[in-house]
Structure formats: structure tokens, C-alpha cells
Amino acid sequence: DNPSSSVDPTRTPAPTPSTMALHENMTLNTGAR
């Protein structure tokens, strides 16, 4: 119902990561985990 929400095929997409995995850990150098 909303054409503005569809994907524009002419838009340059965001760069796809070159690595196999997108991986991020949230840890501190101190304290338990």
C-alpha cells in the first residue's frame, strides 16, 4: 500500500561485510563474564 517503502533497485546498497561472520562481544577488561 505504500510505494515509498519498497526497495529502490537504483539505490546503492550498504557495503556487505567482506568477512564470513559479523561478530561482536561486549566485554570489559575487568569483572566476570
Full PDB file with SEQRES, HELIX, SHEET, SSBOND, CRYST1, ORIGX, SCALE, CONECT and MASTER records, all heavy atoms in Angstrom:
SEQRES   1 A   33  ASP ASN PRO SER SER SER VAL ASP PRO THR ARG THR PRO          
SEQRES   2 A   33  ALA PRO THR PRO SER THR MET ALA LEU HIS GLU ASN MET          
SEQRES   3 A   33  THR LEU ASN THR GLY ALA ARG                                  
HELIX    1 AA1 PRO A    3  SER A    5  5                                   3    
CRYST1    1.000    1.000    1.000  90.00  90.00  90.00 P 1           1          
ORIGX1      1.000000  0.000000  0.000000        0.00000                         
ORIGX2      0.000000  1.000000  0.000000        0.00000                         
ORIGX3      0.000000  0.000000  1.000000        0.00000                         
SCALE1      1.000000  0.000000  0.000000        0.00000                         
SCALE2      0.000000  1.000000  0.000000        0.00000                         
SCALE3      0.000000  0.000000  1.000000        0.00000                         
ATOM      1  N   ASP A   1       0.804  -1.212   0.000  1.00  0.00           N  
ATOM      2  CA  ASP A   1       0.000   0.000   0.000  1.00  0.00           C  
ATOM      3  C   ASP A   1       0.838   1.263   0.000  1.00  0.00           C  
ATOM      4  O   ASP A   1       0.313   2.352  -0.216  1.00  0.00           O  
ATOM      5  CB  ASP A   1      -0.912   0.015   1.238  1.00  0.00           C  
ATOM      6  CG  ASP A   1      -1.987  -1.055   1.136  1.00  0.00           C  
ATOM      7  OD1 ASP A   1      -2.219  -1.560   0.013  1.00  0.00           O  
ATOM      8  OD2 ASP A   1      -2.577  -1.383   2.175  1.00  0.00           O  
ATOM      9  N   ASN A   2       2.113   1.147   0.298  1.00  0.00           N  
ATOM     10  CA  ASN A   2       2.962   2.326   0.425  1.00  0.00           C  
ATOM     11  C   ASN A   2       4.164   2.186  -0.487  1.00  0.00           C  
ATOM     12  O   ASN A   2       5.155   1.588  -0.110  1.00  0.00           O  
ATOM     13  CB  ASN A   2       3.411   2.491   1.884  1.00  0.00           C  
ATOM     14  CG  ASN A   2       4.260   3.724   2.084  1.00  0.00           C  
ATOM     15  OD1 ASN A   2       4.397   4.540   1.172  1.00  0.00           O  
ATOM     16  ND2 ASN A   2       4.824   3.852   3.272  1.00  0.00           N  
ATOM     17  N   PRO A   3       4.092   2.722  -1.720  1.00  0.00           N  
ATOM     18  CA  PRO A   3       5.195   2.539  -2.659  1.00  0.00           C  
ATOM     19  C   PRO A   3       6.513   3.091  -2.142  1.00  0.00           C  
ATOM     20  O   PRO A   3       7.571   2.598  -2.491  1.00  0.00           O  
ATOM     21  CB  PRO A   3       4.713   3.316  -3.907  1.00  0.00           C  
ATOM     22  CG  PRO A   3       3.228   3.400  -3.772  1.00  0.00           C  
ATOM     23  CD  PRO A   3       2.965   3.453  -2.299  1.00  0.00           C  
ATOM     24  N   SER A   4       6.445   4.097  -1.270  1.00  0.00           N  
ATOM     25  CA  SER A   4       7.694   4.696  -0.791  1.00  0.00           C  
ATOM     26  C   SER A   4       8.477   3.755   0.090  1.00  0.00           C  
ATOM     27  O   SER A   4       9.663   3.971   0.348  1.00  0.00           O  
ATOM     28  CB  SER A   4       7.382   5.979  -0.009  1.00  0.00           C  
ATOM     29  OG  SER A   4       6.636   5.687   1.156  1.00  0.00           O  
ATOM     30  N   SER A   5       7.837   2.677   0.591  1.00  0.00           N  
ATOM     31  CA  SER A   5       8.544   1.753   1.473  1.00  0.00           C  
ATOM     32  C   SER A   5       9.242   0.641   0.710  1.00  0.00           C  
ATOM     33  O   SER A   5       9.966  -0.146   1.293  1.00  0.00           O  
ATOM     34  CB  SER A   5       7.556   1.127   2.468  1.00  0.00           C  
ATOM     35  OG  SER A   5       6.693   0.232   1.791  1.00  0.00           O  
ATOM     36  N   SER A   6       9.020   0.544  -0.597  1.00  0.00           N  
ATOM     37  CA  SER A   6       9.638  -0.533  -1.361  1.00  0.00           C  
ATOM     38  C   SER A   6      11.101  -0.243  -1.620  1.00  0.00           C  
ATOM     39  O   SER A   6      11.547   0.890  -1.567  1.00  0.00           O  
ATOM     40  CB  SER A   6       8.901  -0.720  -2.692  1.00  0.00           C  
ATOM     41  OG  SER A   6       9.000   0.455  -3.459  1.00  0.00           O  
ATOM     42  N   VAL A   7      11.870  -1.283  -1.895  1.00  0.00           N  
ATOM     43  CA  VAL A   7      13.299  -1.141  -2.147  1.00  0.00           C  
ATOM     44  C   VAL A   7      13.523  -0.491  -3.503  1.00  0.00           C  
ATOM     45  O   VAL A   7      12.963  -0.915  -4.512  1.00  0.00           O  
ATOM     46  CB  VAL A   7      13.986  -2.516  -2.098  1.00  0.00           C  
ATOM     47  CG1 VAL A   7      15.456  -2.376  -2.473  1.00  0.00           C  
ATOM     48  CG2 VAL A   7      13.851  -3.121  -0.718  1.00  0.00           C  
ATOM     49  N   ASP A   8      14.301   0.554  -3.532  1.00  0.00           N  
ATOM     50  CA  ASP A   8      14.660   1.226  -4.775  1.00  0.00           C  
ATOM     51  C   ASP A   8      15.837   0.473  -5.395  1.00  0.00           C  
ATOM     52  O   ASP A   8      16.937   0.490  -4.852  1.00  0.00           O  
ATOM     53  CB  ASP A   8      15.030   2.682  -4.487  1.00  0.00           C  
ATOM     54  CG  ASP A   8      15.431   3.441  -5.750  1.00  0.00           C  
ATOM     55  OD1 ASP A   8      15.432   2.824  -6.838  1.00  0.00           O  
ATOM     56  OD2 ASP A   8      15.739   4.629  -5.631  1.00  0.00           O  
ATOM     57  N   PRO A   9      15.649  -0.212  -6.549  1.00  0.00           N  
ATOM     58  CA  PRO A   9      16.738  -1.011  -7.115  1.00  0.00           C  
ATOM     59  C   PRO A   9      17.910  -0.168  -7.598  1.00  0.00           C  
ATOM     60  O   PRO A   9      18.988  -0.686  -7.839  1.00  0.00           O  
ATOM     61  CB  PRO A   9      16.057  -1.746  -8.279  1.00  0.00           C  
ATOM     62  CG  PRO A   9      14.874  -0.902  -8.631  1.00  0.00           C  
ATOM     63  CD  PRO A   9      14.413  -0.291  -7.347  1.00  0.00           C  
ATOM     64  N   THR A  10      17.695   1.153  -7.747  1.00  0.00           N  
ATOM     65  CA  THR A  10      18.792   2.018  -8.196  1.00  0.00           C  
ATOM     66  C   THR A  10      19.625   2.530  -7.042  1.00  0.00           C  
ATOM     67  O   THR A  10      20.673   3.143  -7.251  1.00  0.00           O  
ATOM     68  CB  THR A  10      18.235   3.222  -8.972  1.00  0.00           C  
ATOM     69  OG1 THR A  10      17.464   4.050  -8.083  1.00  0.00           O  
ATOM     70  CG2 THR A  10      17.359   2.771 -10.125  1.00  0.00           C  
ATOM     71  N   ARG A  11      19.149   2.334  -5.808  1.00  0.00           N  
ATOM     72  CA  ARG A  11      19.886   2.842  -4.653  1.00  0.00           C  
ATOM     73  C   ARG A  11      21.128   1.994  -4.402  1.00  0.00           C  
ATOM     74  O   ARG A  11      21.072   0.770  -4.434  1.00  0.00           O  
ATOM     75  CB  ARG A  11      19.007   2.832  -3.406  1.00  0.00           C  
ATOM     76  CG  ARG A  11      19.710   3.420  -2.176  1.00  0.00           C  
ATOM     77  CD  ARG A  11      18.852   3.264  -0.935  1.00  0.00           C  
ATOM     78  NE  ARG A  11      17.599   3.993  -1.040  1.00  0.00           N  
ATOM     79  CZ  ARG A  11      17.490   5.286  -0.805  1.00  0.00           C  
ATOM     80  NH1 ARG A  11      18.545   5.990  -0.478  1.00  0.00           N  
ATOM     81  NH2 ARG A  11      16.319   5.886  -0.904  1.00  0.00           N  
ATOM     82  N   THR A  12      22.233   2.646  -4.130  1.00  0.00           N  
ATOM     83  CA  THR A  12      23.461   1.918  -3.820  1.00  0.00           C  
ATOM     84  C   THR A  12      23.331   1.280  -2.444  1.00  0.00           C  
ATOM     85  O   THR A  12      23.113   1.985  -1.459  1.00  0.00           O  
ATOM     86  CB  THR A  12      24.673   2.860  -3.831  1.00  0.00           C  
ATOM     87  OG1 THR A  12      24.768   3.470  -5.109  1.00  0.00           O  
ATOM     88  CG2 THR A  12      25.945   2.084  -3.521  1.00  0.00           C  
ATOM     89  N   PRO A  13      23.415  -0.041  -2.342  1.00  0.00           N  
ATOM     90  CA  PRO A  13      23.251  -0.669  -1.039  1.00  0.00           C  
ATOM     91  C   PRO A  13      24.447  -0.404  -0.125  1.00  0.00           C  
ATOM     92  O   PRO A  13      25.517  -0.011  -0.569  1.00  0.00           O  
ATOM     93  CB  PRO A  13      23.153  -2.162  -1.387  1.00  0.00           C  
ATOM     94  CG  PRO A  13      23.924  -2.292  -2.660  1.00  0.00           C  
ATOM     95  CD  PRO A  13      23.682  -1.012  -3.408  1.00  0.00           C  
ATOM     96  N   ALA A  14      24.221  -0.608   1.176  1.00  0.00           N  
ATOM     97  CA  ALA A  14      25.331  -0.501   2.120  1.00  0.00           C  
ATOM     98  C   ALA A  14      26.347  -1.595   1.816  1.00  0.00           C  
ATOM     99  O   ALA A  14      25.992  -2.664   1.322  1.00  0.00           O  
ATOM    100  CB  ALA A  14      24.811  -0.664   3.548  1.00  0.00           C  
ATOM    101  N   PRO A  15      27.616  -1.329   2.078  1.00  0.00           N  
ATOM    102  CA  PRO A  15      28.634  -2.348   1.792  1.00  0.00           C  
ATOM    103  C   PRO A  15      28.366  -3.630   2.575  1.00  0.00           C  
ATOM    104  O   PRO A  15      28.114  -3.592   3.774  1.00  0.00           O  
ATOM    105  CB  PRO A  15      29.943  -1.676   2.259  1.00  0.00           C  
ATOM    106  CG  PRO A  15      29.649  -0.218   2.281  1.00  0.00           C  
ATOM    107  CD  PRO A  15      28.194  -0.097   2.622  1.00  0.00           C  
ATOM    108  N   THR A  16      28.381  -4.753   1.897  1.00  0.00           N  
ATOM    109  CA  THR A  16      28.261  -6.034   2.571  1.00  0.00           C  
ATOM    110  C   THR A  16      29.609  -6.386   3.189  1.00  0.00           C  
ATOM    111  O   THR A  16      30.642  -6.244   2.549  1.00  0.00           O  
ATOM    112  CB  THR A  16      27.858  -7.130   1.572  1.00  0.00           C  
ATOM    113  OG1 THR A  16      26.590  -6.798   1.019  1.00  0.00           O  
ATOM    114  CG2 THR A  16      27.766  -8.484   2.254  1.00  0.00           C  
ATOM    115  N   PRO A  17      29.621  -6.823   4.455  1.00  0.00           N  
ATOM    116  CA  PRO A  17      30.909  -7.157   5.075  1.00  0.00           C  
ATOM    117  C   PRO A  17      31.677  -8.182   4.260  1.00  0.00           C  
ATOM    118  O   PRO A  17      31.092  -9.094   3.667  1.00  0.00           O  
ATOM    119  CB  PRO A  17      30.505  -7.723   6.447  1.00  0.00           C  
ATOM    120  CG  PRO A  17      29.148  -7.150   6.711  1.00  0.00           C  
ATOM    121  CD  PRO A  17      28.493  -7.021   5.381  1.00  0.00           C  
ATOM    122  N   SER A  18      32.978  -8.038   4.205  1.00  0.00           N  
ATOM    123  CA  SER A  18      33.808  -8.982   3.458  1.00  0.00           C  
ATOM    124  C   SER A  18      34.099 -10.235   4.267  1.00  0.00           C  
ATOM    125  O   SER A  18      34.484 -11.262   3.715  1.00  0.00           O  
ATOM    126  CB  SER A  18      35.127  -8.315   3.054  1.00  0.00           C  
ATOM    127  OG  SER A  18      35.837  -7.869   4.203  1.00  0.00           O  
ATOM    128  N   THR A  19      33.920 -10.169   5.581  1.00  0.00           N  
ATOM    129  CA  THR A  19      34.222 -11.304   6.445  1.00  0.00           C  
ATOM    130  C   THR A  19      33.063 -12.293   6.492  1.00  0.00           C  
ATOM    131  O   THR A  19      31.909 -11.933   6.251  1.00  0.00           O  
ATOM    132  CB  THR A  19      34.530 -10.821   7.871  1.00  0.00           C  
ATOM    133  OG1 THR A  19      33.413 -10.053   8.350  1.00  0.00           O  
ATOM    134  CG2 THR A  19      35.773  -9.949   7.884  1.00  0.00           C  
ATOM    135  N   MET A  20      33.387 -13.533   6.786  1.00  0.00           N  
ATOM    136  CA  MET A  20      32.394 -14.587   6.856  1.00  0.00           C  
ATOM    137  C   MET A  20      31.365 -14.316   7.949  1.00  0.00           C  
ATOM    138  O   MET A  20      30.175 -14.591   7.780  1.00  0.00           O  
ATOM    139  CB  MET A  20      33.080 -15.926   7.128  1.00  0.00           C  
ATOM    140  CG  MET A  20      32.122 -17.095   7.265  1.00  0.00           C  
ATOM    141  SD  MET A  20      31.392 -17.571   5.698  1.00  0.00           S  
ATOM    142  CE  MET A  20      32.783 -18.445   4.981  1.00  0.00           C  
ATOM    143  N   ALA A  21      31.805 -13.746   9.083  1.00  0.00           N  
ATOM    144  CA  ALA A  21      30.915 -13.539  10.220  1.00  0.00           C  
ATOM    145  C   ALA A  21      30.981 -12.090  10.683  1.00  0.00           C  
ATOM    146  O   ALA A  21      32.042 -11.470  10.672  1.00  0.00           O  
ATOM    147  CB  ALA A  21      31.318 -14.468  11.370  1.00  0.00           C  
ATOM    148  N   LEU A  22      29.827 -11.565  11.060  1.00  0.00           N  
ATOM    149  CA  LEU A  22      29.746 -10.270  11.738  1.00  0.00           C  
ATOM    150  C   LEU A  22      29.595 -10.594  13.215  1.00  0.00           C  
ATOM    151  O   LEU A  22      28.559 -11.096  13.649  1.00  0.00           O  
ATOM    152  CB  LEU A  22      28.560  -9.474  11.211  1.00  0.00           C  
ATOM    153  CG  LEU A  22      28.471  -8.003  11.600  1.00  0.00           C  
ATOM    154  CD1 LEU A  22      29.710  -7.239  11.137  1.00  0.00           C  
ATOM    155  CD2 LEU A  22      27.212  -7.378  10.991  1.00  0.00           C  
ATOM    156  N   HIS A  23      30.636 -10.321  13.995  1.00  0.00           N  
ATOM    157  CA  HIS A  23      30.750 -10.892  15.332  1.00  0.00           C  
ATOM    158  C   HIS A  23      31.257  -9.823  16.291  1.00  0.00           C  
ATOM    159  O   HIS A  23      32.295  -9.212  16.058  1.00  0.00           O  
ATOM    160  CB  HIS A  23      31.741 -12.062  15.280  1.00  0.00           C  
ATOM    161  CG  HIS A  23      31.926 -12.789  16.579  1.00  0.00           C  
ATOM    162  ND1 HIS A  23      33.151 -13.270  16.989  1.00  0.00           N  
ATOM    163  CD2 HIS A  23      31.054 -13.130  17.560  1.00  0.00           C  
ATOM    164  CE1 HIS A  23      33.022 -13.876  18.145  1.00  0.00           C  
ATOM    165  NE2 HIS A  23      31.751 -13.805  18.518  1.00  0.00           N  
ATOM    166  N   GLU A  24      30.497  -9.557  17.356  1.00  0.00           N  
ATOM    167  CA  GLU A  24      30.892  -8.522  18.311  1.00  0.00           C  
ATOM    168  C   GLU A  24      30.553  -8.979  19.723  1.00  0.00           C  
ATOM    169  O   GLU A  24      29.419  -9.382  20.008  1.00  0.00           O  
ATOM    170  CB  GLU A  24      30.169  -7.205  18.016  1.00  0.00           C  
ATOM    171  CG  GLU A  24      30.593  -6.047  18.900  1.00  0.00           C  
ATOM    172  CD  GLU A  24      32.008  -5.564  18.623  1.00  0.00           C  
ATOM    173  OE1 GLU A  24      32.461  -5.700  17.472  1.00  0.00           O  
ATOM    174  OE2 GLU A  24      32.660  -5.061  19.555  1.00  0.00           O  
ATOM    175  N   ASN A  25      31.550  -8.910  20.613  1.00  0.00           N  
ATOM    176  CA  ASN A  25      31.344  -9.240  22.015  1.00  0.00           C  
ATOM    177  C   ASN A  25      31.402  -7.979  22.862  1.00  0.00           C  
ATOM    178  O   ASN A  25      32.215  -7.090  22.597  1.00  0.00           O  
ATOM    179  CB  ASN A  25      32.413 -10.218  22.506  1.00  0.00           C  
ATOM    180  CG  ASN A  25      32.136 -11.636  22.056  1.00  0.00           C  
ATOM    181  OD1 ASN A  25      30.990 -12.079  22.068  1.00  0.00           O  
ATOM    182  ND2 ASN A  25      33.166 -12.353  21.649  1.00  0.00           N  
ATOM    183  N   MET A  26      30.539  -7.908  23.868  1.00  0.00           N  
ATOM    184  CA  MET A  26      30.541  -6.774  24.776  1.00  0.00           C  
ATOM    185  C   MET A  26      31.158  -7.214  26.099  1.00  0.00           C  
ATOM    186  O   MET A  26      30.487  -7.771  26.962  1.00  0.00           O  
ATOM    187  CB  MET A  26      29.123  -6.241  24.996  1.00  0.00           C  
ATOM    188  CG  MET A  26      29.095  -4.968  25.826  1.00  0.00           C  
ATOM    189  SD  MET A  26      27.438  -4.313  26.016  1.00  0.00           S  
ATOM    190  CE  MET A  26      27.086  -3.915  24.308  1.00  0.00           C  
ATOM    191  N   THR A  27      32.458  -6.979  26.230  1.00  0.00           N  
ATOM    192  CA  THR A  27      33.160  -7.386  27.443  1.00  0.00           C  
ATOM    193  C   THR A  27      34.074  -6.270  27.920  1.00  0.00           C  
ATOM    194  O   THR A  27      34.563  -5.459  27.138  1.00  0.00           O  
ATOM    195  CB  THR A  27      34.007  -8.648  27.201  1.00  0.00           C  
ATOM    196  OG1 THR A  27      34.918  -8.408  26.115  1.00  0.00           O  
ATOM    197  CG2 THR A  27      33.140  -9.840  26.868  1.00  0.00           C  
ATOM    198  N   LEU A  28      34.280  -6.243  29.228  1.00  0.00           N  
ATOM    199  CA  LEU A  28      35.225  -5.326  29.854  1.00  0.00           C  
ATOM    200  C   LEU A  28      36.503  -6.090  30.190  1.00  0.00           C  
ATOM    201  O   LEU A  28      36.523  -7.316  30.247  1.00  0.00           O  
ATOM    202  CB  LEU A  28      34.621  -4.732  31.128  1.00  0.00           C  
ATOM    203  CG  LEU A  28      33.312  -3.950  30.965  1.00  0.00           C  
ATOM    204  CD1 LEU A  28      32.743  -3.586  32.329  1.00  0.00           C  
ATOM    205  CD2 LEU A  28      33.537  -2.703  30.137  1.00  0.00           C  
ATOM    206  N   ASN A  29      37.567  -5.333  30.436  1.00  0.00           N  
ATOM    207  CA  ASN A  29      38.831  -5.965  30.805  1.00  0.00           C  
ATOM    208  C   ASN A  29      38.872  -6.376  32.271  1.00  0.00           C  
ATOM    209  O   ASN A  29      39.829  -6.984  32.721  1.00  0.00           O  
ATOM    210  CB  ASN A  29      39.998  -5.026  30.512  1.00  0.00           C  
ATOM    211  CG  ASN A  29      40.228  -4.850  29.025  1.00  0.00           C  
ATOM    212  OD1 ASN A  29      39.830  -5.690  28.231  1.00  0.00           O  
ATOM    213  ND2 ASN A  29      40.842  -3.749  28.650  1.00  0.00           N  
ATOM    214  N   THR A  30      37.838  -5.994  33.014  1.00  0.00           N  
ATOM    215  CA  THR A  30      37.747  -6.368  34.424  1.00  0.00           C  
ATOM    216  C   THR A  30      36.354  -6.934  34.686  1.00  0.00           C  
ATOM    217  O   THR A  30      35.421  -6.709  33.916  1.00  0.00           O  
ATOM    218  CB  THR A  30      37.980  -5.159  35.337  1.00  0.00           C  
ATOM    219  OG1 THR A  30      37.008  -4.146  35.035  1.00  0.00           O  
ATOM    220  CG2 THR A  30      39.373  -4.588  35.142  1.00  0.00           C  
ATOM    221  N   GLY A  31      36.223  -7.656  35.790  1.00  0.00           N  
ATOM    222  CA  GLY A  31      34.930  -8.208  36.150  1.00  0.00           C  
ATOM    223  C   GLY A  31      34.666  -9.540  35.491  1.00  0.00           C  
ATOM    224  O   GLY A  31      35.337  -9.944  34.541  1.00  0.00           O  
ATOM    225  N   ALA A  32      33.654 -10.228  35.997  1.00  0.00           N  
ATOM    226  CA  ALA A  32      33.306 -11.562  35.484  1.00  0.00           C  
ATOM    227  C   ALA A  32      32.543 -11.446  34.173  1.00  0.00           C  
ATOM    228  O   ALA A  32      32.022 -10.382  33.815  1.00  0.00           O  
ATOM    229  CB  ALA A  32      32.472 -12.305  36.519  1.00  0.00           C  
ATOM    230  N   ARG A  33      32.468 -12.545  33.452  1.00  0.00           N  
ATOM    231  CA  ARG A  33      31.716 -12.580  32.201  1.00  0.00           C  
ATOM    232  C   ARG A  33      31.197 -13.992  31.970  1.00  0.00           C  
ATOM    233  O   ARG A  33      31.638 -14.950  32.625  1.00  0.00           O  
ATOM    234  CB  ARG A  33      32.583 -12.149  31.025  1.00  0.00           C  
ATOM    235  CG  ARG A  33      33.734 -13.096  30.717  1.00  0.00           C  
ATOM    236  CD  ARG A  33      34.575 -12.677  29.514  1.00  0.00           C  
ATOM    237  NE  ARG A  33      35.337 -11.461  29.731  1.00  0.00           N  
ATOM    238  CZ  ARG A  33      36.375 -11.088  28.981  1.00  0.00           C  
ATOM    239  NH1 ARG A  33      36.753 -11.847  27.964  1.00  0.00           N  
ATOM    240  NH2 ARG A  33      37.031  -9.982  29.241  1.00  0.00           N  
TER     241      ARG A  33                                                      
MASTER        0    0    0    1    0    0    0    6  240    1    0    3          
END                                                                             
